PDB file of N, CA and C in Angstrom:
ATOM      1  N   GLN A   1      -3.908   8.738  27.818  1.00  0.00           N
ATOM      2  CA  GLN A   1      -5.169   8.537  28.516  1.00  0.00           C
ATOM      3  C   GLN A   1      -5.271   7.081  28.965  1.00  0.00           C
ATOM      4  N   VAL A   2      -5.615   6.904  30.235  1.00  0.00           N
ATOM      5  CA  VAL A   2      -5.724   5.559  30.784  1.00  0.00           C
ATOM      6  C   VAL A   2      -7.014   4.907  30.314  1.00  0.00           C
ATOM      7  N   GLN A   3      -6.882   3.680  29.814  1.00  0.00           N
ATOM      8  CA  GLN A   3      -8.056   2.916  29.391  1.00  0.00           C
ATOM      9  C   GLN A   3      -7.828   1.439  29.624  1.00  0.00           C
ATOM     10  N   LEU A   4      -8.904   0.771  30.025  1.00  0.00           N
ATOM     11  CA  LEU A   4      -8.959  -0.687  30.025  1.00  0.00           C
ATOM     12  C   LEU A   4     -10.124  -1.061  29.130  1.00  0.00           C
ATOM     13  N   VAL A   5      -9.840  -1.824  28.083  1.00  0.00           N
ATOM     14  CA  VAL A   5     -10.863  -2.142  27.099  1.00  0.00           C
ATOM     15  C   VAL A   5     -11.073  -3.654  27.071  1.00  0.00           C
ATOM     16  N   GLU A   6     -12.251  -4.067  27.563  1.00  0.00           N
ATOM     17  CA  GLU A   6     -12.569  -5.495  27.583  1.00  0.00           C
ATOM     18  C   GLU A   6     -13.241  -5.922  26.289  1.00  0.00           C
ATOM     19  N   SER A   7     -13.081  -7.184  25.957  1.00  0.00           N
ATOM     20  CA  SER A   7     -13.752  -7.772  24.805  1.00  0.00           C
ATOM     21  C   SER A   7     -13.867  -9.266  25.020  1.00  0.00           C
ATOM     22  N   GLY A   8     -14.687  -9.911  24.178  1.00  0.00           N
ATOM     23  CA  GLY A   8     -14.789 -11.359  24.218  1.00  0.00           C
ATOM     24  C   GLY A   8     -16.042 -11.903  24.862  1.00  0.00           C
ATOM     25  N   GLY A   9     -16.871 -11.044  25.429  1.00  0.00           N
ATOM     26  CA  GLY A   9     -18.108 -11.512  26.014  1.00  0.00           C
ATOM     27  C   GLY A   9     -19.100 -11.951  24.959  1.00  0.00           C
ATOM     28  N   GLY A  10     -20.194 -12.549  25.414  1.00  0.00           N
ATOM     29  CA  GLY A  10     -21.219 -12.991  24.483  1.00  0.00           C
ATOM     30  C   GLY A  10     -22.145 -14.007  25.106  1.00  0.00           C
ATOM     31  N   LEU A  11     -22.902 -14.655  24.245  1.00  0.00           N
ATOM     32  CA  LEU A  11     -23.859 -15.681  24.658  1.00  0.00           C
ATOM     33  C   LEU A  11     -23.253 -17.056  24.378  1.00  0.00           C
ATOM     34  N   VAL A  12     -23.281 -17.915  25.380  1.00  0.00           N
ATOM     35  CA  VAL A  12     -22.725 -19.251  25.236  1.00  0.00           C
ATOM     36  C   VAL A  12     -23.623 -20.237  25.956  1.00  0.00           C
ATOM     37  N   GLN A  13     -23.654 -21.468  25.476  1.00  0.00           N
ATOM     38  CA  GLN A  13     -24.456 -22.498  26.115  1.00  0.00           C
ATOM     39  C   GLN A  13     -23.744 -23.036  27.347  1.00  0.00           C
ATOM     40  N   PRO A  14     -24.498 -23.555  28.304  1.00  0.00           N
ATOM     41  CA  PRO A  14     -23.863 -24.191  29.466  1.00  0.00           C
ATOM     42  C   PRO A  14     -22.872 -25.258  29.019  1.00  0.00           C
ATOM     43  N   GLY A  15     -21.724 -25.286  29.701  1.00  0.00           N
ATOM     44  CA  GLY A  15     -20.659 -26.204  29.335  1.00  0.00           C
ATOM     45  C   GLY A  15     -19.691 -25.653  28.317  1.00  0.00           C
ATOM     46  N   GLY A  16     -20.013 -24.513  27.744  1.00  0.00           N
ATOM     47  CA  GLY A  16     -19.156 -23.906  26.731  1.00  0.00           C
ATOM     48  C   GLY A  16     -18.030 -23.091  27.318  1.00  0.00           C
ATOM     49  N   SER A  17     -17.281 -22.451  26.426  1.00  0.00           N
ATOM     50  CA  SER A  17     -16.103 -21.674  26.834  1.00  0.00           C
ATOM     51  C   SER A  17     -16.129 -20.295  26.189  1.00  0.00           C
ATOM     52  N   LEU A  18     -15.493 -19.362  26.860  1.00  0.00           N
ATOM     53  CA  LEU A  18     -15.244 -18.021  26.331  1.00  0.00           C
ATOM     54  C   LEU A  18     -13.894 -17.558  26.839  1.00  0.00           C
ATOM     55  N   ARG A  19     -13.247 -16.691  26.064  1.00  0.00           N
ATOM     56  CA  ARG A  19     -12.029 -16.043  26.534  1.00  0.00           C
ATOM     57  C   ARG A  19     -12.244 -14.534  26.493  1.00  0.00           C
ATOM     58  N   LEU A  20     -12.127 -13.916  27.655  1.00  0.00           N
ATOM     59  CA  LEU A  20     -12.204 -12.461  27.751  1.00  0.00           C
ATOM     60  C   LEU A  20     -10.803 -11.860  27.653  1.00  0.00           C
ATOM     61  N   SER A  21     -10.729 -10.699  27.028  1.00  0.00           N
ATOM     62  CA  SER A  21      -9.474  -9.964  26.928  1.00  0.00           C
ATOM     63  C   SER A  21      -9.659  -8.570  27.504  1.00  0.00           C
ATOM     64  N   CYS A  22      -8.597  -8.041  28.066  1.00  0.00           N
ATOM     65  CA  CYS A  22      -8.607  -6.677  28.584  1.00  0.00           C
ATOM     66  C   CYS A  22      -7.297  -6.014  28.165  1.00  0.00           C
ATOM     67  N   ALA A  23      -7.395  -5.087  27.240  1.00  0.00           N
ATOM     68  CA  ALA A  23      -6.218  -4.371  26.750  1.00  0.00           C
ATOM     69  C   ALA A  23      -6.050  -3.076  27.537  1.00  0.00           C
ATOM     70  N   ALA A  24      -4.826  -2.821  27.970  1.00  0.00           N
ATOM     71  CA  ALA A  24      -4.534  -1.661  28.815  1.00  0.00           C
ATOM     72  C   ALA A  24      -3.766  -0.603  28.041  1.00  0.00           C
ATOM     73  N   PHE A  25      -4.129   0.655  28.300  1.00  0.00           N
ATOM     74  CA  PHE A  25      -3.486   1.782  27.634  1.00  0.00           C
ATOM     75  C   PHE A  25      -3.216   2.884  28.638  1.00  0.00           C
ATOM     76  N   GLY A  26      -2.069   3.533  28.511  1.00  0.00           N
ATOM     77  CA  GLY A  26      -1.837   4.760  29.251  1.00  0.00           C
ATOM     78  C   GLY A  26      -1.235   4.623  30.633  1.00  0.00           C
ATOM     79  N   PHE A  27      -0.807   3.413  31.019  1.00  0.00           N
ATOM     80  CA  PHE A  27      -0.135   3.254  32.307  1.00  0.00           C
ATOM     81  C   PHE A  27       0.826   2.067  32.207  1.00  0.00           C
ATOM     82  N   THR A  28       1.654   1.923  33.215  1.00  0.00           N
ATOM     83  CA  THR A  28       2.689   0.889  33.193  1.00  0.00           C
ATOM     84  C   THR A  28       2.067  -0.449  33.596  1.00  0.00           C
ATOM     85  N   PHE A  29       1.546  -1.134  32.607  1.00  0.00           N
ATOM     86  CA  PHE A  29       0.763  -2.357  32.831  1.00  0.00           C
ATOM     87  C   PHE A  29       1.529  -3.384  33.671  1.00  0.00           C
ATOM     88  N   SER A  30       2.801  -3.544  33.416  1.00  0.00           N
ATOM     89  CA  SER A  30       3.579  -4.593  34.083  1.00  0.00           C
ATOM     90  C   SER A  30       3.782  -4.324  35.566  1.00  0.00           C
ATOM     91  N   SER A  31       3.423  -3.137  36.040  1.00  0.00           N
ATOM     92  CA  SER A  31       3.576  -2.803  37.461  1.00  0.00           C
ATOM     93  C   SER A  31       2.288  -2.989  38.253  1.00  0.00           C
ATOM     94  N   TYR A  32       1.228  -3.402  37.585  1.00  0.00           N
ATOM     95  CA  TYR A  32      -0.088  -3.480  38.216  1.00  0.00           C
ATOM     96  C   TYR A  32      -0.541  -4.926  38.425  1.00  0.00           C
ATOM     97  N   VAL A  33      -1.216  -5.121  39.550  1.00  0.00           N
ATOM     98  CA  VAL A  33      -1.960  -6.356  39.776  1.00  0.00           C
ATOM     99  C   VAL A  33      -3.256  -6.244  38.978  1.00  0.00           C
ATOM    100  N   MET A  34      -3.546  -7.264  38.199  1.00  0.00           N
ATOM    101  CA  MET A  34      -4.725  -7.235  37.353  1.00  0.00           C
ATOM    102  C   MET A  34      -5.756  -8.240  37.861  1.00  0.00           C
ATOM    103  N   SER A  35      -7.009  -7.845  37.797  1.00  0.00           N
ATOM    104  CA  SER A  35      -8.081  -8.706  38.285  1.00  0.00           C
ATOM    105  C   SER A  35      -9.272  -8.656  37.344  1.00  0.00           C
ATOM    106  N   TRP A  36     -10.074  -9.695  37.431  1.00  0.00           N
ATOM    107  CA  TRP A  36     -11.398  -9.727  36.806  1.00  0.00           C
ATOM    108  C   TRP A  36     -12.429  -9.789  37.924  1.00  0.00           C
ATOM    109  N   TYR A  37     -13.424  -8.929  37.811  1.00  0.00           N
ATOM    110  CA  TYR A  37     -14.579  -8.931  38.690  1.00  0.00           C
ATOM    111  C   TYR A  37     -15.814  -9.219  37.828  1.00  0.00           C
ATOM    112  N   ARG A  38     -16.904  -9.556  38.498  1.00  0.00           N
ATOM    113  CA  ARG A  38     -18.170  -9.699  37.789  1.00  0.00           C
ATOM    114  C   ARG A  38     -19.316  -9.225  38.671  1.00  0.00           C
ATOM    115  N   GLN A  39     -20.366  -8.812  37.987  1.00  0.00           N
ATOM    116  CA  GLN A  39     -21.563  -8.357  38.705  1.00  0.00           C
ATOM    117  C   GLN A  39     -22.796  -8.872  37.980  1.00  0.00           C
ATOM    118  N   ALA A  40     -23.542  -9.694  38.684  1.00  0.00           N
ATOM    119  CA  ALA A  40     -24.797 -10.220  38.149  1.00  0.00           C
ATOM    120  C   ALA A  40     -25.931  -9.285  38.554  1.00  0.00           C
ATOM    121  N   PRO A  41     -27.044  -9.316  37.825  1.00  0.00           N
ATOM    122  CA  PRO A  41     -28.171  -8.440  38.157  1.00  0.00           C
ATOM    123  C   PRO A  41     -28.625  -8.632  39.602  1.00  0.00           C
ATOM    124  N   GLY A  42     -28.753  -7.526  40.323  1.00  0.00           N
ATOM    125  CA  GLY A  42     -29.225  -7.579  41.692  1.00  0.00           C
ATOM    126  C   GLY A  42     -28.207  -8.036  42.709  1.00  0.00           C
ATOM    127  N   LYS A  43     -26.980  -8.249  42.271  1.00  0.00           N
ATOM    128  CA  LYS A  43     -25.933  -8.726  43.183  1.00  0.00           C
ATOM    129  C   LYS A  43     -24.780  -7.734  43.234  1.00  0.00           C
ATOM    130  N   GLU A  44     -23.962  -7.866  44.272  1.00  0.00           N
ATOM    131  CA  GLU A  44     -22.785  -7.023  44.397  1.00  0.00           C
ATOM    132  C   GLU A  44     -21.678  -7.518  43.455  1.00  0.00           C
ATOM    133  N   ARG A  45     -20.811  -6.599  43.126  1.00  0.00           N
ATOM    134  CA  ARG A  45     -19.658  -6.970  42.309  1.00  0.00           C
ATOM    135  C   ARG A  45     -18.755  -7.883  43.129  1.00  0.00           C
ATOM    136  N   GLU A  46     -18.281  -8.954  42.494  1.00  0.00           N
ATOM    137  CA  GLU A  46     -17.431  -9.904  43.203  1.00  0.00           C
ATOM    138  C   GLU A  46     -16.135 -10.135  42.443  1.00  0.00           C
ATOM    139  N   LEU A  47     -15.088 -10.417  43.209  1.00  0.00           N
ATOM    140  CA  LEU A  47     -13.783 -10.703  42.635  1.00  0.00           C
ATOM    141  C   LEU A  47     -13.777 -12.130  42.084  1.00  0.00           C
ATOM    142  N   VAL A  48     -13.349 -12.270  40.858  1.00  0.00           N
ATOM    143  CA  VAL A  48     -13.313 -13.573  40.201  1.00  0.00           C
ATOM    144  C   VAL A  48     -11.897 -14.156  40.202  1.00  0.00           C
ATOM    145  N   ALA A  49     -10.927 -13.360  39.772  1.00  0.00           N
ATOM    146  CA  ALA A  49      -9.562 -13.865  39.644  1.00  0.00           C
ATOM    147  C   ALA A  49      -8.586 -12.701  39.662  1.00  0.00           C
ATOM    148  N   THR A  50      -7.383 -12.974  40.166  1.00  0.00           N
ATOM    149  CA  THR A  50      -6.327 -11.960  40.269  1.00  0.00           C
ATOM    150  C   THR A  50      -5.011 -12.570  39.821  1.00  0.00           C
ATOM    151  N   ILE A  51      -4.191 -11.741  39.176  1.00  0.00           N
ATOM    152  CA  ILE A  51      -2.852 -12.180  38.784  1.00  0.00           C
ATOM    153  C   ILE A  51      -1.862 -11.094  39.180  1.00  0.00           C
ATOM    154  N   SER A  52      -0.721 -11.516  39.696  1.00  0.00           N
ATOM    155  CA  SER A  52       0.287 -10.566  40.152  1.00  0.00           C
ATOM    156  C   SER A  52       0.891  -9.800  38.975  1.00  0.00           C
ATOM    157  N   SER A  53       1.608  -8.751  39.303  1.00  0.00           N
ATOM    158  CA  SER A  53       2.140  -7.874  38.264  1.00  0.00           C
ATOM    159  C   SER A  53       3.076  -8.605  37.300  1.00  0.00           C
ATOM    160  N   VAL A  54       3.871  -9.522  37.819  1.00  0.00           N
ATOM    161  CA  VAL A  54       4.774 -10.256  36.931  1.00  0.00           C
ATOM    162  C   VAL A  54       4.149 -11.547  36.421  1.00  0.00           C
ATOM    163  N   GLY A  55       2.958 -11.854  36.906  1.00  0.00           N
ATOM    164  CA  GLY A  55       2.230 -13.004  36.389  1.00  0.00           C
ATOM    165  C   GLY A  55       2.547 -14.320  37.058  1.00  0.00           C
ATOM    166  N   GLY A  56       3.307 -14.291  38.146  1.00  0.00           N
ATOM    167  CA  GLY A  56       3.702 -15.540  38.754  1.00  0.00           C
ATOM    168  C   GLY A  56       2.743 -16.087  39.784  1.00  0.00           C
ATOM    169  N   SER A  57       1.754 -15.295  40.175  1.00  0.00           N
ATOM    170  CA  SER A  57       0.833 -15.714  41.231  1.00  0.00           C
ATOM    171  C   SER A  57      -0.592 -15.397  40.822  1.00  0.00           C
ATOM    172  N   THR A  58      -1.472 -16.364  41.026  1.00  0.00           N
ATOM    173  CA  THR A  58      -2.880 -16.178  40.694  1.00  0.00           C
ATOM    174  C   THR A  58      -3.753 -16.615  41.859  1.00  0.00           C
ATOM    175  N   ASN A  59      -4.936 -16.031  41.929  1.00  0.00           N
ATOM    176  CA  ASN A  59      -5.927 -16.420  42.921  1.00  0.00           C
ATOM    177  C   ASN A  59      -7.303 -16.401  42.271  1.00  0.00           C
ATOM    178  N   TYR A  60      -8.173 -17.292  42.763  1.00  0.00           N
ATOM    179  CA  TYR A  60      -9.485 -17.437  42.169  1.00  0.00           C
ATOM    180  C   TYR A  60     -10.566 -17.518  43.243  1.00  0.00           C
ATOM    181  N   ALA A  61     -11.747 -17.046  42.899  1.00  0.00           N
ATOM    182  CA  ALA A  61     -12.903 -17.291  43.741  1.00  0.00           C
ATOM    183  C   ALA A  61     -13.193 -18.788  43.731  1.00  0.00           C
ATOM    184  N   ASP A  62     -13.688 -19.285  44.847  1.00  0.00           N
ATOM    185  CA  ASP A  62     -13.969 -20.725  44.938  1.00  0.00           C
ATOM    186  C   ASP A  62     -14.931 -21.179  43.836  1.00  0.00           C
ATOM    187  N   SER A  63     -15.853 -20.317  43.464  1.00  0.00           N
ATOM    188  CA  SER A  63     -16.885 -20.690  42.505  1.00  0.00           C
ATOM    189  C   SER A  63     -16.342 -20.905  41.086  1.00  0.00           C
ATOM    190  N   VAL A  64     -15.122 -20.448  40.811  1.00  0.00           N
ATOM    191  CA  VAL A  64     -14.585 -20.578  39.453  1.00  0.00           C
ATOM    192  C   VAL A  64     -13.302 -21.401  39.397  1.00  0.00           C
ATOM    193  N   LYS A  65     -12.807 -21.832  40.542  1.00  0.00           N
ATOM    194  CA  LYS A  65     -11.581 -22.634  40.549  1.00  0.00           C
ATOM    195  C   LYS A  65     -11.748 -23.878  39.686  1.00  0.00           C
ATOM    196  N   GLU A  66     -10.695 -24.240  39.023  1.00  0.00           N
ATOM    197  CA  GLU A  66     -10.655 -25.410  38.124  1.00  0.00           C
ATOM    198  C   GLU A  66     -11.399 -25.181  36.815  1.00  0.00           C
ATOM    199  N   ARG A  67     -12.097 -24.051  36.674  1.00  0.00           N
ATOM    200  CA  ARG A  67     -12.818 -23.754  35.426  1.00  0.00           C
ATOM    201  C   ARG A  67     -12.269 -22.526  34.708  1.00  0.00           C
ATOM    202  N   PHE A  68     -11.837 -21.539  35.465  1.00  0.00           N
ATOM    203  CA  PHE A  68     -11.352 -20.283  34.891  1.00  0.00           C
ATOM    204  C   PHE A  68      -9.843 -20.182  35.076  1.00  0.00           C
ATOM    205  N   THR A  69      -9.198 -19.528  34.113  1.00  0.00           N
ATOM    206  CA  THR A  69      -7.762 -19.281  34.204  1.00  0.00           C
ATOM    207  C   THR A  69      -7.476 -17.838  33.819  1.00  0.00           C
ATOM    208  N   ILE A  70      -6.759 -17.135  34.672  1.00  0.00           N
ATOM    209  CA  ILE A  70      -6.335 -15.775  34.369  1.00  0.00           C
ATOM    210  C   ILE A  70      -4.872 -15.812  33.956  1.00  0.00           C
ATOM    211  N   PHE A  71      -4.537 -15.084  32.914  1.00  0.00           N
ATOM    212  CA  PHE A  71      -3.142 -14.985  32.498  1.00  0.00           C
ATOM    213  C   PHE A  71      -2.934 -13.640  31.800  1.00  0.00           C
ATOM    214  N   LYS A  72      -1.698 -13.246  31.690  1.00  0.00           N
ATOM    215  CA  LYS A  72      -1.415 -11.937  31.116  1.00  0.00           C
ATOM    216  C   LYS A  72      -0.219 -11.999  30.188  1.00  0.00           C
ATOM    217  N   ASP A  73      -0.183 -11.065  29.271  1.00  0.00           N
ATOM    218  CA  ASP A  73       0.930 -10.906  28.362  1.00  0.00           C
ATOM    219  C   ASP A  73       1.424  -9.476  28.520  1.00  0.00           C
ATOM    220  N   ASN A  74       2.499  -9.289  29.267  1.00  0.00           N
ATOM    221  CA  ASN A  74       2.992  -7.940  29.524  1.00  0.00           C
ATOM    222  C   ASN A  74       3.499  -7.259  28.249  1.00  0.00           C
ATOM    223  N   ALA A  75       3.924  -8.043  27.290  1.00  0.00           N
ATOM    224  CA  ALA A  75       4.401  -7.457  26.031  1.00  0.00           C
ATOM    225  C   ALA A  75       3.251  -6.851  25.235  1.00  0.00           C
ATOM    226  N   LYS A  76       2.049  -7.403  25.426  1.00  0.00           N
ATOM    227  CA  LYS A  76       0.863  -6.905  24.725  1.00  0.00           C
ATOM    228  C   LYS A  76      -0.024  -6.047  25.615  1.00  0.00           C
ATOM    229  N   ASN A  77       0.403  -5.834  26.859  1.00  0.00           N
ATOM    230  CA  ASN A  77      -0.403  -5.054  27.813  1.00  0.00           C
ATOM    231  C   ASN A  77      -1.841  -5.570  27.889  1.00  0.00           C
ATOM    232  N   THR A  78      -1.972  -6.876  27.975  1.00  0.00           N
ATOM    233  CA  THR A  78      -3.294  -7.495  27.949  1.00  0.00           C
ATOM    234  C   THR A  78      -3.388  -8.588  29.007  1.00  0.00           C
ATOM    235  N   VAL A  79      -4.534  -8.623  29.663  1.00  0.00           N
ATOM    236  CA  VAL A  79      -4.840  -9.704  30.599  1.00  0.00           C
ATOM    237  C   VAL A  79      -6.057 -10.449  30.058  1.00  0.00           C
ATOM    238  N   TYR A  80      -6.078 -11.739  30.287  1.00  0.00           N
ATOM    239  CA  TYR A  80      -7.108 -12.608  29.742  1.00  0.00           C
ATOM    240  C   TYR A  80      -7.803 -13.383  30.861  1.00  0.00           C
ATOM    241  N   LEU A  81      -9.009 -13.818  30.567  1.00  0.00           N
ATOM    242  CA  LEU A  81      -9.717 -14.733  31.445  1.00  0.00           C
ATOM    243  C   LEU A  81     -10.310 -15.837  30.563  1.00  0.00           C
ATOM    244  N   GLN A  82      -9.712 -17.016  30.665  1.00  0.00           N
ATOM    245  CA  GLN A  82     -10.226 -18.169  29.955  1.00  0.00           C
ATOM    246  C   GLN A  82     -11.277 -18.838  30.832  1.00  0.00           C
ATOM    247  N   MET A  83     -12.481 -18.945  30.311  1.00  0.00           N
ATOM    248  CA  MET A  83     -13.596 -19.483  31.090  1.00  0.00           C
ATOM    249  C   MET A  83     -14.096 -20.753  30.415  1.00  0.00           C
ATOM    250  N   ASN A  84     -13.994 -21.860  31.138  1.00  0.00           N
ATOM    251  CA  ASN A  84     -14.438 -23.156  30.627  1.00  0.00           C
ATOM    252  C   ASN A  84     -15.569 -23.704  31.487  1.00  0.00           C
ATOM    253  N   ILE A  85     -16.267 -24.662  30.951  1.00  0.00           N
ATOM    254  CA  ILE A  85     -17.374 -25.322  31.650  1.00  0.00           C
ATOM    255  C   ILE A  85     -18.295 -24.261  32.254  1.00  0.00           C
ATOM    256  N   LEU A  86     -18.723 -23.338  31.433  1.00  0.00           N
ATOM    257  CA  LEU A  86     -19.537 -22.229  31.919  1.00  0.00           C
ATOM    258  C   LEU A  86     -20.898 -22.707  32.392  1.00  0.00           C
ATOM    259  N   LYS A  87     -21.380 -22.036  33.438  1.00  0.00           N
ATOM    260  CA  LYS A  87     -22.656 -22.364  34.054  1.00  0.00           C
ATOM    261  C   LYS A  87     -23.573 -21.146  33.973  1.00  0.00           C
ATOM    262  N   PRO A  88     -24.877 -21.350  34.048  1.00  0.00           N
ATOM    263  CA  PRO A  88     -25.784 -20.197  34.035  1.00  0.00           C
ATOM    264  C   PRO A  88     -25.468 -19.179  35.126  1.00  0.00           C
ATOM    265  N   GLU A  89     -24.986 -19.645  36.265  1.00  0.00           N
ATOM    266  CA  GLU A  89     -24.660 -18.722  37.355  1.00  0.00           C
ATOM    267  C   GLU A  89     -23.415 -17.883  37.094  1.00  0.00           C
ATOM    268  N   ASP A  90     -22.719 -18.158  36.000  1.00  0.00           N
ATOM    269  CA  ASP A  90     -21.591 -17.309  35.593  1.00  0.00           C
ATOM    270  C   ASP A  90     -22.064 -16.083  34.810  1.00  0.00           C
ATOM    271  N   THR A  91     -23.344 -16.029  34.501  1.00  0.00           N
ATOM    272  CA  THR A  91     -23.888 -14.889  33.771  1.00  0.00           C
ATOM    273  C   THR A  91     -23.717 -13.606  34.569  1.00  0.00           C
ATOM    274  N   ALA A  92     -23.074 -12.620  33.955  1.00  0.00           N
ATOM    275  CA  ALA A  92     -22.775 -11.364  34.638  1.00  0.00           C
ATOM    276  C   ALA A  92     -22.081 -10.426  33.659  1.00  0.00           C
ATOM    277  N   VAL A  93     -21.933  -9.188  34.089  1.00  0.00           N
ATOM    278  CA  VAL A  93     -21.024  -8.268  33.404  1.00  0.00           C
ATOM    279  C   VAL A  93     -19.648  -8.444  34.046  1.00  0.00           C
ATOM    280  N   TYR A  94     -18.650  -8.684  33.220  1.00  0.00           N
ATOM    281  CA  TYR A  94     -17.288  -8.906  33.694  1.00  0.00           C
ATOM    282  C   TYR A  94     -16.460  -7.642  33.488  1.00  0.00           C
ATOM    283  N   TYR A  95     -15.749  -7.264  34.552  1.00  0.00           N
ATOM    284  CA  TYR A  95     -14.953  -6.040  34.542  1.00  0.00           C
ATOM    285  C   TYR A  95     -13.485  -6.346  34.792  1.00  0.00           C
ATOM    286  N   CYS A  96     -12.657  -5.630  34.099  1.00  0.00           N
ATOM    287  CA  CYS A  96     -11.215  -5.704  34.292  1.00  0.00           C
ATOM    288  C   CYS A  96     -10.801  -4.594  35.268  1.00  0.00           C
ATOM    289  N   ASN A  97      -9.856  -4.903  36.156  1.00  0.00           N
ATOM    290  CA  ASN A  97      -9.390  -3.937  37.145  1.00  0.00           C
ATOM    291  C   ASN A  97      -7.872  -3.949  37.209  1.00  0.00           C
ATOM    292  N   ALA A  98      -7.287  -2.776  37.334  1.00  0.00           N
ATOM    293  CA  ALA A  98      -5.844  -2.637  37.527  1.00  0.00           C
ATOM    294  C   ALA A  98      -5.593  -1.953  38.861  1.00  0.00           C
ATOM    295  N   LYS A  99      -4.711  -2.533  39.649  1.00  0.00           N
ATOM    296  CA  LYS A  99      -4.484  -2.027  40.998  1.00  0.00           C
ATOM    297  C   LYS A  99      -2.983  -1.978  41.271  1.00  0.00           C
ATOM    298  N   ARG A 100      -2.571  -0.870  41.892  1.00  0.00           N
ATOM    299  CA  ARG A 100      -1.182  -0.721  42.296  1.00  0.00           C
ATOM    300  C   ARG A 100      -1.144   0.106  43.570  1.00  0.00           C
ATOM    301  N   ARG A 101      -0.387  -0.315  44.535  1.00  0.00           N
ATOM    302  CA  ARG A 101      -0.310   0.373  45.827  1.00  0.00           C
ATOM    303  C   ARG A 101       0.073   1.831  45.618  1.00  0.00           C
ATOM    304  N   ASN A 102      -0.651   2.704  46.305  1.00  0.00           N
ATOM    305  CA  ASN A 102      -0.404   4.145  46.282  1.00  0.00           C
ATOM    306  C   ASN A 102      -0.777   4.815  44.955  1.00  0.00           C
ATOM    307  N   TYR A 103      -1.440   4.079  44.095  1.00  0.00           N
ATOM    308  CA  TYR A 103      -1.926   4.645  42.838  1.00  0.00           C
ATOM    309  C   TYR A 103      -3.435   4.421  42.740  1.00  0.00           C
ATOM    310  N   ASN A 104      -4.080   5.165  41.861  1.00  0.00           N
ATOM    311  CA  ASN A 104      -5.511   4.963  41.647  1.00  0.00           C
ATOM    312  C   ASN A 104      -5.783   3.621  40.990  1.00  0.00           C
ATOM    313  N   ASP A 105      -6.943   3.050  41.300  1.00  0.00           N
ATOM    314  CA  ASP A 105      -7.431   1.876  40.581  1.00  0.00           C
ATOM    315  C   ASP A 105      -7.972   2.307  39.226  1.00  0.00           C
ATOM    316  N   TYR A 106      -7.909   1.386  38.271  1.00  0.00           N
ATOM    317  CA  TYR A 106      -8.531   1.621  36.978  1.00  0.00           C
ATOM    318  C   TYR A 106      -9.525   0.499  36.699  1.00  0.00           C
ATOM    319  N   TRP A 107     -10.619   0.866  36.025  1.00  0.00           N
ATOM    320  CA  TRP A 107     -11.670  -0.094  35.675  1.00  0.00           C
ATOM    321  C   TRP A 107     -11.988  -0.009  34.195  1.00  0.00           C
ATOM    322  N   GLY A 108     -12.333  -1.158  33.629  1.00  0.00           N
ATOM    323  CA  GLY A 108     -12.858  -1.171  32.281  1.00  0.00           C
ATOM    324  C   GLY A 108     -14.358  -0.928  32.286  1.00  0.00           C
ATOM    325  N   GLN A 109     -14.936  -0.902  31.096  1.00  0.00           N
ATOM    326  CA  GLN A 109     -16.353  -0.592  30.957  1.00  0.00           C
ATOM    327  C   GLN A 109     -17.242  -1.818  31.122  1.00  0.00           C
ATOM    328  N   GLY A 110     -16.645  -2.996  31.105  1.00  0.00           N
ATOM    329  CA  GLY A 110     -17.402  -4.229  31.297  1.00  0.00           C
ATOM    330  C   GLY A 110     -17.788  -4.897  29.998  1.00  0.00           C
ATOM    331  N   THR A 111     -17.902  -6.212  30.063  1.00  0.00           N
ATOM    332  CA  THR A 111     -18.366  -6.991  28.915  1.00  0.00           C
ATOM    333  C   THR A 111     -19.359  -8.043  29.417  1.00  0.00           C
ATOM    334  N   GLN A 112     -20.470  -8.167  28.717  1.00  0.00           N
ATOM    335  CA  GLN A 112     -21.553  -9.054  29.157  1.00  0.00           C
ATOM    336  C   GLN A 112     -21.253 -10.496  28.777  1.00  0.00           C
ATOM    337  N   VAL A 113     -21.401 -11.377  29.751  1.00  0.00           N
ATOM    338  CA  VAL A 113     -21.323 -12.821  29.512  1.00  0.00           C
ATOM    339  C   VAL A 113     -22.661 -13.421  29.911  1.00  0.00           C
ATOM    340  N   THR A 114     -23.297 -14.113  28.982  1.00  0.00           N
ATOM    341  CA  THR A 114     -24.577 -14.754  29.240  1.00  0.00           C
ATOM    342  C   THR A 114     -24.461 -16.235  28.928  1.00  0.00           C
ATOM    343  N   VAL A 115     -24.759 -17.042  29.927  1.00  0.00           N
ATOM    344  CA  VAL A 115     -24.701 -18.504  29.765  1.00  0.00           C
ATOM    345  C   VAL A 115     -26.135 -19.030  29.813  1.00  0.00           C
ATOM    346  N   SER A 116     -26.597 -19.498  28.674  1.00  0.00           N
ATOM    347  CA  SER A 116     -27.995 -19.923  28.580  1.00  0.00           C
ATOM    348  C   SER A 116     -28.169 -20.863  27.404  1.00  0.00           C
ATOM    349  N   SER A 117     -29.108 -21.798  27.567  1.00  0.00           N
ATOM    350  CA  SER A 117     -29.436 -22.697  26.457  1.00  0.00           C
ATOM    351  C   SER A 117     -30.597 -22.132  25.650  1.00  0.00           C
TER     352      SER A 117
END
């Protein structure tokens, strides 16, 4: 059964850090492009960061560049999002996504990140 299970969300003060994890089950993780998206209340879901299937290429939304880092461990079938210098505007539900050409996309259930003092 295909599953993406996110963890690591929570409440953090502005300027703090969190690391999100997304564990993949039931598909060939190393063949998929992995991404993190987020959706804040009343806003559309937006792409935050993407990493290529072999992990050699990454891309980031302008709003998180220099603060967030996406990386993956193919041996553990897990993708991570290290978030530093968090801001209140980073508050959102964060979703993990797996994408491969000619195959269905997979989504996780989301993990809440709240940045507040």
